[in-house]
Protein backbone atom coordinates (compact mmCIF):
# COMPACT_ATOMS: atom_id res chain seq x y z
CA MET A 1 -121.01 4.03 -1.92
CA ARG A 2 -122.41 1.42 0.46
CA LEU A 3 -125.93 0.18 -0.27
CA ASP A 4 -127.34 1.20 3.12
CA LYS A 5 -125.96 4.73 2.75
CA TYR A 6 -127.27 5.02 -0.83
CA LEU A 7 -130.78 4.02 0.29
CA LYS A 8 -130.67 6.70 3.00
CA VAL A 9 -129.15 9.48 0.84
CA THR A 10 -131.73 8.93 -1.91
CA ARG A 11 -134.49 8.73 0.71
CA LEU A 12 -135.72 5.34 -0.52
CA ILE A 13 -135.46 4.30 3.15
CA LYS A 14 -135.71 6.94 5.87
CA ARG A 15 -132.87 5.84 8.15
CA ARG A 16 -129.56 4.10 7.53
CA THR A 17 -130.10 1.70 10.44
CA VAL A 18 -133.44 0.64 8.93
CA ALA A 19 -131.72 0.13 5.57
CA ASN A 20 -129.02 -1.94 7.28
CA GLU A 21 -131.64 -4.09 9.05
CA ALA A 22 -133.55 -4.58 5.77
CA CYS A 23 -130.36 -5.85 4.12
CA ASP A 24 -129.74 -8.23 7.03
CA ALA A 25 -133.33 -9.52 6.71
CA GLU A 26 -132.70 -10.19 2.97
CA LYS A 27 -135.38 -7.69 1.84
CA ILE A 28 -133.04 -5.82 -0.52
CA SER A 29 -131.70 -7.31 -3.75
CA VAL A 30 -129.39 -5.81 -6.35
CA ASN A 31 -129.40 -7.16 -9.91
CA GLY A 32 -131.53 -10.13 -8.80
CA LYS A 33 -129.26 -11.21 -5.91
CA ILE A 34 -129.76 -10.64 -2.20
CA ALA A 35 -127.38 -7.84 -1.22
CA ARG A 36 -125.56 -6.99 1.98
CA ALA A 37 -125.43 -3.46 3.38
CA SER A 38 -121.76 -3.23 2.39
CA TYR A 39 -122.50 -3.79 -1.33
CA ASP A 40 -120.86 -1.09 -3.48
CA VAL A 41 -123.63 0.59 -5.50
CA LYS A 42 -122.75 1.44 -9.11
CA VAL A 43 -124.57 3.34 -11.88
CA GLY A 44 -126.86 0.95 -13.77
CA ASP A 45 -127.61 -1.34 -10.81
CA ILE A 46 -131.23 -2.47 -10.36
CA ILE A 47 -132.23 -2.30 -6.68
CA GLU A 48 -135.36 -4.11 -5.50
CA ILE A 49 -136.79 -3.21 -2.08
CA ASN A 50 -139.33 -5.68 -0.70
CA MET A 51 -140.71 -4.13 2.49
CA GLY A 52 -144.49 -4.49 2.54
CA ARG A 53 -144.64 -3.44 -1.09
CA THR A 54 -142.04 -4.01 -3.77
CA VAL A 55 -140.20 -1.06 -5.32
CA LYS A 56 -137.73 -1.58 -8.15
CA VAL A 57 -135.38 1.26 -9.12
CA LYS A 58 -132.46 1.75 -11.50
CA VAL A 59 -129.46 3.72 -10.24
CA LEU A 60 -128.76 6.76 -12.42
CA ASN A 61 -126.27 8.59 -10.22
CA VAL A 62 -124.29 7.99 -7.03
CA THR A 63 -123.68 11.10 -4.93
CA GLU A 64 -122.49 11.46 -1.33
CA HIS A 65 -125.07 14.14 -0.48
CA ALA A 66 -128.51 14.95 -1.86
CA THR A 67 -131.13 17.49 -0.84
CA LYS A 68 -134.77 16.58 -0.51
CA GLU A 69 -135.47 18.23 -3.86
CA ASN A 70 -132.83 16.37 -5.91
CA ALA A 71 -132.72 13.01 -4.08
CA ALA A 72 -135.06 11.39 -6.63
CA ASP A 73 -132.77 12.44 -9.50
CA ASN A 74 -130.35 9.65 -8.48
CA TYR A 75 -132.71 6.84 -9.57
CA VAL A 76 -135.70 6.04 -11.76
CA VAL A 77 -138.56 3.79 -10.61
CA ILE A 78 -139.03 0.77 -12.85
CA GLU A 79 -141.91 -0.96 -11.04
């Protein structure tokens, strides 16, 4: 799944366009490297979001759809 879509589905970022713009502005890194919106997210990846405050999460699951209740089950916050 694309990085921008993953961020939207898991509700780490509210809108996919905002996630896409954050990737273009180099505010999202995966496994320590700046990532593009088209990056293919895999289980075990470490995603770091640096928008005002820094959030670091580890990908536990990649699903196409997630409800508000189970969106947070797809990742665990590291920092």
